[in-house]
PDB file of N, CA and C in Angstrom:
ATOM      1  N   MET A   1     -18.787  -9.970  11.387  1.00  0.00           N
ATOM      2  CA  MET A   1     -18.783  -9.618   9.975  1.00  0.00           C
ATOM      3  C   MET A   1     -17.633  -8.675   9.660  1.00  0.00           C
ATOM      4  N   GLY A   2     -17.356  -7.708  10.538  1.00  0.00           N
ATOM      5  CA  GLY A   2     -16.240  -6.811  10.294  1.00  0.00           C
ATOM      6  C   GLY A   2     -16.537  -5.384  10.712  1.00  0.00           C
ATOM      7  N   TRP A   3     -15.546  -4.550  10.525  1.00  0.00           N
ATOM      8  CA  TRP A   3     -15.609  -3.144  10.914  1.00  0.00           C
ATOM      9  C   TRP A   3     -15.276  -2.272   9.722  1.00  0.00           C
ATOM     10  N   LEU A   4     -15.921  -1.123   9.654  1.00  0.00           N
ATOM     11  CA  LEU A   4     -15.707  -0.192   8.548  1.00  0.00           C
ATOM     12  C   LEU A   4     -15.143   1.114   9.095  1.00  0.00           C
ATOM     13  N   LEU A   5     -13.980   1.494   8.579  1.00  0.00           N
ATOM     14  CA  LEU A   5     -13.385   2.785   8.910  1.00  0.00           C
ATOM     15  C   LEU A   5     -13.694   3.731   7.758  1.00  0.00           C
ATOM     16  N   THR A   6     -14.321   4.848   8.068  1.00  0.00           N
ATOM     17  CA  THR A   6     -14.614   5.877   7.071  1.00  0.00           C
ATOM     18  C   THR A   6     -13.934   7.163   7.515  1.00  0.00           C
ATOM     19  N   ILE A   7     -13.174   7.758   6.602  1.00  0.00           N
ATOM     20  CA  ILE A   7     -12.467   9.008   6.875  1.00  0.00           C
ATOM     21  C   ILE A   7     -12.850  10.008   5.801  1.00  0.00           C
ATOM     22  N   TRP A   8     -13.202  11.216   6.219  1.00  0.00           N
ATOM     23  CA  TRP A   8     -13.508  12.297   5.286  1.00  0.00           C
ATOM     24  C   TRP A   8     -12.360  13.296   5.329  1.00  0.00           C
ATOM     25  N   LEU A   9     -11.717  13.521   4.181  1.00  0.00           N
ATOM     26  CA  LEU A   9     -10.614  14.473   4.075  1.00  0.00           C
ATOM     27  C   LEU A   9     -11.073  15.715   3.339  1.00  0.00           C
ATOM     28  N   SER A  10     -10.629  16.858   3.794  1.00  0.00           N
ATOM     29  CA  SER A  10     -10.864  18.116   3.094  1.00  0.00           C
ATOM     30  C   SER A  10      -9.634  18.396   2.239  1.00  0.00           C
ATOM     31  N   LEU A  11      -9.836  18.555   0.928  1.00  0.00           N
ATOM     32  CA  LEU A  11      -8.744  18.814  -0.010  1.00  0.00           C
ATOM     33  C   LEU A  11      -8.848  20.246  -0.513  1.00  0.00           C
ATOM     34  N   PRO A  12      -8.111  21.182   0.095  1.00  0.00           N
ATOM     35  CA  PRO A  12      -8.263  22.602  -0.238  1.00  0.00           C
ATOM     36  C   PRO A  12      -7.931  22.962  -1.684  1.00  0.00           C
ATOM     37  N   LEU A  13      -6.994  22.264  -2.311  1.00  0.00           N
ATOM     38  CA  LEU A  13      -6.601  22.627  -3.679  1.00  0.00           C
ATOM     39  C   LEU A  13      -7.693  22.376  -4.705  1.00  0.00           C
ATOM     40  N   VAL A  14      -8.544  21.422  -4.440  1.00  0.00           N
ATOM     41  CA  VAL A  14      -9.628  21.114  -5.379  1.00  0.00           C
ATOM     42  C   VAL A  14     -10.991  21.491  -4.807  1.00  0.00           C
ATOM     43  N   GLU A  15     -10.980  22.128  -3.640  1.00  0.00           N
ATOM     44  CA  GLU A  15     -12.208  22.571  -2.976  1.00  0.00           C
ATOM     45  C   GLU A  15     -13.246  21.459  -2.908  1.00  0.00           C
ATOM     46  N   SER A  16     -12.788  20.317  -2.440  1.00  0.00           N
ATOM     47  CA  SER A  16     -13.655  19.151  -2.390  1.00  0.00           C
ATOM     48  C   SER A  16     -13.269  18.283  -1.196  1.00  0.00           C
ATOM     49  N   ASP A  17     -14.122  17.330  -0.908  1.00  0.00           N
ATOM     50  CA  ASP A  17     -13.840  16.358   0.142  1.00  0.00           C
ATOM     51  C   ASP A  17     -13.643  14.990  -0.491  1.00  0.00           C
ATOM     52  N   LEU A  18     -12.894  14.158   0.180  1.00  0.00           N
ATOM     53  CA  LEU A  18     -12.639  12.802  -0.268  1.00  0.00           C
ATOM     54  C   LEU A  18     -13.076  11.859   0.840  1.00  0.00           C
ATOM     55  N   LYS A  19     -13.854  10.850   0.476  1.00  0.00           N
ATOM     56  CA  LYS A  19     -14.329   9.859   1.443  1.00  0.00           C
ATOM     57  C   LYS A  19     -13.554   8.563   1.210  1.00  0.00           C
ATOM     58  N   ILE A  20     -12.912   8.076   2.257  1.00  0.00           N
ATOM     59  CA  ILE A  20     -12.117   6.852   2.181  1.00  0.00           C
ATOM     60  C   ILE A  20     -12.762   5.825   3.099  1.00  0.00           C
ATOM     61  N   ARG A  21     -12.981   4.604   2.563  1.00  0.00           N
ATOM     62  CA  ARG A  21     -13.566   3.537   3.379  1.00  0.00           C
ATOM     63  C   ARG A  21     -12.644   2.327   3.345  1.00  0.00           C
ATOM     64  N   MET A  22     -12.403   1.750   4.521  1.00  0.00           N
ATOM     65  CA  MET A  22     -11.549   0.574   4.634  1.00  0.00           C
ATOM     66  C   MET A  22     -12.212  -0.447   5.547  1.00  0.00           C
ATOM     67  N   TRP A  23     -12.158  -1.704   5.151  1.00  0.00           N
ATOM     68  CA  TRP A  23     -12.747  -2.780   5.935  1.00  0.00           C
ATOM     69  C   TRP A  23     -11.677  -3.446   6.786  1.00  0.00           C
ATOM     70  N   PHE A  24     -12.056  -3.813   8.023  1.00  0.00           N
ATOM     71  CA  PHE A  24     -11.158  -4.530   8.925  1.00  0.00           C
ATOM     72  C   PHE A  24     -11.922  -5.667   9.584  1.00  0.00           C
ATOM     73  N   SER A  25     -11.225  -6.739   9.866  1.00  0.00           N
ATOM     74  CA  SER A  25     -11.871  -7.902  10.475  1.00  0.00           C
ATOM     75  C   SER A  25     -12.094  -7.731  11.979  1.00  0.00           C
ATOM     76  N   ARG A  26     -11.355  -6.810  12.604  1.00  0.00           N
ATOM     77  CA  ARG A  26     -11.486  -6.609  14.051  1.00  0.00           C
ATOM     78  C   ARG A  26     -11.555  -5.126  14.387  1.00  0.00           C
ATOM     79  N   GLN A  27     -12.251  -4.827  15.467  1.00  0.00           N
ATOM     80  CA  GLN A  27     -12.377  -3.439  15.904  1.00  0.00           C
ATOM     81  C   GLN A  27     -11.014  -2.848  16.263  1.00  0.00           C
ATOM     82  N   SER A  28     -10.155  -3.633  16.883  1.00  0.00           N
ATOM     83  CA  SER A  28      -8.833  -3.121  17.274  1.00  0.00           C
ATOM     84  C   SER A  28      -8.013  -2.722  16.047  1.00  0.00           C
ATOM     85  N   TYR A  29      -8.140  -3.466  14.941  1.00  0.00           N
ATOM     86  CA  TYR A  29      -7.433  -3.107  13.708  1.00  0.00           C
ATOM     87  C   TYR A  29      -7.975  -1.792  13.154  1.00  0.00           C
ATOM     88  N   CYS A  30      -9.288  -1.644  13.216  1.00  0.00           N
ATOM     89  CA  CYS A  30      -9.940  -0.429  12.718  1.00  0.00           C
ATOM     90  C   CYS A  30      -9.472   0.788  13.516  1.00  0.00           C
ATOM     91  N   ASN A  31      -9.467   0.660  14.840  1.00  0.00           N
ATOM     92  CA  ASN A  31      -9.024   1.766  15.695  1.00  0.00           C
ATOM     93  C   ASN A  31      -7.551   2.093  15.480  1.00  0.00           C
ATOM     94  N   PHE A  32      -6.721   1.071  15.313  1.00  0.00           N
ATOM     95  CA  PHE A  32      -5.297   1.287  15.072  1.00  0.00           C
ATOM     96  C   PHE A  32      -5.087   2.034  13.753  1.00  0.00           C
ATOM     97  N   ALA A  33      -5.790   1.618  12.707  1.00  0.00           N
ATOM     98  CA  ALA A  33      -5.662   2.285  11.405  1.00  0.00           C
ATOM     99  C   ALA A  33      -6.125   3.733  11.491  1.00  0.00           C
ATOM    100  N   LYS A  34      -7.198   3.979  12.216  1.00  0.00           N
ATOM    101  CA  LYS A  34      -7.700   5.348  12.391  1.00  0.00           C
ATOM    102  C   LYS A  34      -6.631   6.221  13.041  1.00  0.00           C
ATOM    103  N   GLU A  35      -6.014   5.708  14.083  1.00  0.00           N
ATOM    104  CA  GLU A  35      -4.964   6.465  14.773  1.00  0.00           C
ATOM    105  C   GLU A  35      -3.777   6.738  13.858  1.00  0.00           C
ATOM    106  N   LYS A  36      -3.337   5.738  13.116  1.00  0.00           N
ATOM    107  CA  LYS A  36      -2.189   5.902  12.225  1.00  0.00           C
ATOM    108  C   LYS A  36      -2.514   6.846  11.070  1.00  0.00           C
ATOM    109  N   PHE A  37      -3.724   6.748  10.552  1.00  0.00           N
ATOM    110  CA  PHE A  37      -4.122   7.578   9.420  1.00  0.00           C
ATOM    111  C   PHE A  37      -4.172   9.050   9.799  1.00  0.00           C
ATOM    112  N   THR A  38      -4.537   9.341  11.032  1.00  0.00           N
ATOM    113  CA  THR A  38      -4.679  10.734  11.462  1.00  0.00           C
ATOM    114  C   THR A  38      -3.445  11.255  12.204  1.00  0.00           C
ATOM    115  N   GLU A  39      -2.457  10.404  12.398  1.00  0.00           N
ATOM    116  CA  GLU A  39      -1.259  10.758  13.155  1.00  0.00           C
ATOM    117  C   GLU A  39      -0.351  11.747  12.419  1.00  0.00           C
ATOM    118  N   ASN A  40      -0.145  11.549  11.136  1.00  0.00           N
ATOM    119  CA  ASN A  40       0.761  12.382  10.347  1.00  0.00           C
ATOM    120  C   ASN A  40      -0.012  13.207   9.328  1.00  0.00           C
ATOM    121  N   PRO A  41       0.508  14.376   8.985  1.00  0.00           N
ATOM    122  CA  PRO A  41      -0.171  15.197   7.974  1.00  0.00           C
ATOM    123  C   PRO A  41      -0.229  14.479   6.621  1.00  0.00           C
ATOM    124  N   ILE A  42      -1.304  14.694   5.916  1.00  0.00           N
ATOM    125  CA  ILE A  42      -1.483  14.131   4.580  1.00  0.00           C
ATOM    126  C   ILE A  42      -1.328  15.273   3.591  1.00  0.00           C
ATOM    127  N   GLN A  43      -0.448  15.097   2.618  1.00  0.00           N
ATOM    128  CA  GLN A  43      -0.187  16.137   1.628  1.00  0.00           C
ATOM    129  C   GLN A  43      -0.886  15.785   0.314  1.00  0.00           C
ATOM    130  N   HIS A  44      -1.370  16.809  -0.394  1.00  0.00           N
ATOM    131  CA  HIS A  44      -1.893  16.580  -1.743  1.00  0.00           C
ATOM    132  C   HIS A  44      -1.485  17.747  -2.620  1.00  0.00           C
ATOM    133  N   SER A  45      -1.370  17.469  -3.910  1.00  0.00           N
ATOM    134  CA  SER A  45      -0.996  18.519  -4.869  1.00  0.00           C
ATOM    135  C   SER A  45      -1.677  18.222  -6.199  1.00  0.00           C
ATOM    136  N   VAL A  46      -1.694  19.215  -7.068  1.00  0.00           N
ATOM    137  CA  VAL A  46      -2.260  19.051  -8.406  1.00  0.00           C
ATOM    138  C   VAL A  46      -1.255  19.551  -9.437  1.00  0.00           C
ATOM    139  N   GLU A  47      -1.068  18.792 -10.509  1.00  0.00           N
ATOM    140  CA  GLU A  47      -0.256  19.206 -11.665  1.00  0.00           C
ATOM    141  C   GLU A  47       1.010  19.970 -11.296  1.00  0.00           C
ATOM    142  N   ASN A  48       1.967  19.303 -10.701  1.00  0.00           N
ATOM    143  CA  ASN A  48       3.267  19.896 -10.354  1.00  0.00           C
ATOM    144  C   ASN A  48       3.172  21.069  -9.387  1.00  0.00           C
ATOM    145  N   GLY A  49       2.121  21.121  -8.613  1.00  0.00           N
ATOM    146  CA  GLY A  49       1.945  22.216  -7.656  1.00  0.00           C
ATOM    147  C   GLY A  49       2.634  21.936  -6.336  1.00  0.00           C
ATOM    148  N   ILE A  50       2.606  22.913  -5.481  1.00  0.00           N
ATOM    149  CA  ILE A  50       3.181  22.777  -4.147  1.00  0.00           C
ATOM    150  C   ILE A  50       2.236  21.930  -3.296  1.00  0.00           C
ATOM    151  N   PRO A  51       2.755  20.931  -2.603  1.00  0.00           N
ATOM    152  CA  PRO A  51       1.891  20.112  -1.743  1.00  0.00           C
ATOM    153  C   PRO A  51       1.260  20.942  -0.620  1.00  0.00           C
ATOM    154  N   ILE A  52      -0.010  20.711  -0.407  1.00  0.00           N
ATOM    155  CA  ILE A  52      -0.780  21.377   0.642  1.00  0.00           C
ATOM    156  C   ILE A  52      -1.329  20.288   1.568  1.00  0.00           C
ATOM    157  N   GLU A  53      -1.458  20.608   2.831  1.00  0.00           N
ATOM    158  CA  GLU A  53      -1.954  19.627   3.788  1.00  0.00           C
ATOM    159  C   GLU A  53      -3.458  19.431   3.654  1.00  0.00           C
ATOM    160  N   ALA A  54      -3.861  18.171   3.538  1.00  0.00           N
ATOM    161  CA  ALA A  54      -5.277  17.810   3.568  1.00  0.00           C
ATOM    162  C   ALA A  54      -5.671  17.646   5.032  1.00  0.00           C
ATOM    163  N   LYS A  55      -6.865  18.035   5.371  1.00  0.00           N
ATOM    164  CA  LYS A  55      -7.339  17.966   6.758  1.00  0.00           C
ATOM    165  C   LYS A  55      -8.354  16.840   6.918  1.00  0.00           C
ATOM    166  N   VAL A  56      -8.238  16.109   8.004  1.00  0.00           N
ATOM    167  CA  VAL A  56      -9.244  15.103   8.339  1.00  0.00           C
ATOM    168  C   VAL A  56     -10.421  15.844   8.957  1.00  0.00           C
ATOM    169  N   LYS A  57     -11.567  15.800   8.272  1.00  0.00           N
ATOM    170  CA  LYS A  57     -12.760  16.491   8.778  1.00  0.00           C
ATOM    171  C   LYS A  57     -13.450  15.680   9.867  1.00  0.00           C
ATOM    172  N   LYS A  58     -13.584  14.377   9.605  1.00  0.00           N
ATOM    173  CA  LYS A  58     -14.177  13.489  10.607  1.00  0.00           C
ATOM    174  C   LYS A  58     -13.844  12.055  10.233  1.00  0.00           C
ATOM    175  N   TYR A  59     -14.080  11.166  11.175  1.00  0.00           N
ATOM    176  CA  TYR A  59     -13.843   9.750  10.930  1.00  0.00           C
ATOM    177  C   TYR A  59     -14.730   8.936  11.852  1.00  0.00           C
ATOM    178  N   GLU A  60     -14.981   7.704  11.434  1.00  0.00           N
ATOM    179  CA  GLU A  60     -15.752   6.798  12.284  1.00  0.00           C
ATOM    180  C   GLU A  60     -15.304   5.371  12.029  1.00  0.00           C
ATOM    181  N   CYS A  61     -15.374   4.585  13.068  1.00  0.00           N
ATOM    182  CA  CYS A  61     -15.084   3.167  13.001  1.00  0.00           C
ATOM    183  C   CYS A  61     -16.319   2.470  13.561  1.00  0.00           C
ATOM    184  N   ARG A  62     -17.010   1.703  12.736  1.00  0.00           N
ATOM    185  CA  ARG A  62     -18.277   1.102  13.168  1.00  0.00           C
ATOM    186  C   ARG A  62     -18.427  -0.299  12.592  1.00  0.00           C
ATOM    187  N   LEU A  63     -19.364  -1.037  13.156  1.00  0.00           N
ATOM    188  CA  LEU A  63     -19.676  -2.365  12.632  1.00  0.00           C
ATOM    189  C   LEU A  63     -20.197  -2.264  11.204  1.00  0.00           C
ATOM    190  N   LEU A  64     -19.795  -3.203  10.396  1.00  0.00           N
ATOM    191  CA  LEU A  64     -20.262  -3.268   9.019  1.00  0.00           C
ATOM    192  C   LEU A  64     -21.736  -3.667   9.002  1.00  0.00           C
ATOM    193  N   ARG A  65     -22.520  -3.019   8.170  1.00  0.00           N
ATOM    194  CA  ARG A  65     -23.943  -3.362   8.032  1.00  0.00           C
ATOM    195  C   ARG A  65     -24.099  -4.525   7.051  1.00  0.00           C
ATOM    196  N   LYS A  66     -25.201  -5.216   7.160  1.00  0.00           N
ATOM    197  CA  LYS A  66     -25.481  -6.351   6.276  1.00  0.00           C
ATOM    198  C   LYS A  66     -25.422  -5.925   4.807  1.00  0.00           C
ATOM    199  N   SER A  67     -25.911  -4.729   4.500  1.00  0.00           N
ATOM    200  CA  SER A  67     -25.937  -4.244   3.113  1.00  0.00           C
ATOM    201  C   SER A  67     -24.548  -3.887   2.581  1.00  0.00           C
ATOM    202  N   GLU A  68     -23.531  -3.895   3.437  1.00  0.00           N
ATOM    203  CA  GLU A  68     -22.173  -3.529   3.034  1.00  0.00           C
ATOM    204  C   GLU A  68     -21.235  -4.736   2.939  1.00  0.00           C
ATOM    205  N   GLU A  69     -21.793  -5.937   2.975  1.00  0.00           N
ATOM    206  CA  GLU A  69     -20.975  -7.146   2.931  1.00  0.00           C
ATOM    207  C   GLU A  69     -20.093  -7.222   1.695  1.00  0.00           C
ATOM    208  N   ASN A  70     -20.502  -6.562   0.616  1.00  0.00           N
ATOM    209  CA  ASN A  70     -19.707  -6.593  -0.609  1.00  0.00           C
ATOM    210  C   ASN A  70     -18.363  -5.874  -0.443  1.00  0.00           C
ATOM    211  N   LEU A  71     -18.174  -5.142   0.643  1.00  0.00           N
ATOM    212  CA  LEU A  71     -16.900  -4.468   0.909  1.00  0.00           C
ATOM    213  C   LEU A  71     -15.848  -5.436   1.456  1.00  0.00           C
ATOM    214  N   ILE A  72     -16.286  -6.608   1.903  1.00  0.00           N
ATOM    215  CA  ILE A  72     -15.358  -7.611   2.425  1.00  0.00           C
ATOM    216  C   ILE A  72     -14.717  -8.329   1.241  1.00  0.00           C
ATOM    217  N   PRO A  73     -13.390  -8.429   1.218  1.00  0.00           N
ATOM    218  CA  PRO A  73     -12.732  -9.153   0.126  1.00  0.00           C
ATOM    219  C   PRO A  73     -13.261 -10.587   0.037  1.00  0.00           C
ATOM    220  N   PRO A  74     -13.489 -11.089  -1.176  1.00  0.00           N
ATOM    221  CA  PRO A  74     -14.078 -12.428  -1.340  1.00  0.00           C
ATOM    222  C   PRO A  74     -13.348 -13.529  -0.566  1.00  0.00           C
ATOM    223  N   HIS A  75     -12.032 -13.486  -0.524  1.00  0.00           N
ATOM    224  CA  HIS A  75     -11.284 -14.544   0.164  1.00  0.00           C
ATOM    225  C   HIS A  75     -11.382 -14.450   1.690  1.00  0.00           C
ATOM    226  N   MET A  76     -11.974 -13.371   2.213  1.00  0.00           N
ATOM    227  CA  MET A  76     -12.115 -13.197   3.660  1.00  0.00           C
ATOM    228  C   MET A  76     -13.539 -13.471   4.141  1.00  0.00           C
ATOM    229  N   ARG A  77     -14.444 -13.737   3.220  1.00  0.00           N
ATOM    230  CA  ARG A  77     -15.840 -13.985   3.604  1.00  0.00           C
ATOM    231  C   ARG A  77     -16.002 -15.390   4.149  1.00  0.00           C
ATOM    232  N   ASN A  78     -16.984 -15.561   5.029  1.00  0.00           N
ATOM    233  CA  ASN A  78     -17.253 -16.891   5.613  1.00  0.00           C
ATOM    234  C   ASN A  78     -17.888 -17.802   4.608  1.00  0.00           C
TER     235      ASN A  78
END
């Protein structure tokens, strides 16, 4: 069915967290994306402000659940 990569970022400028979810057809793609996503610093800014580094709080790559099938793009479904 697929793999779901979930990444939680801490955004200090807005004192909030951001949850990012991405679907992949293979576990190896999910793991590769996780590595690339966390490899370089992520910058964020607000209203012409100085960019500040967002921190990856945690991440997981897991099998997609049956209830999450709607996350698969329609053209990729069986």
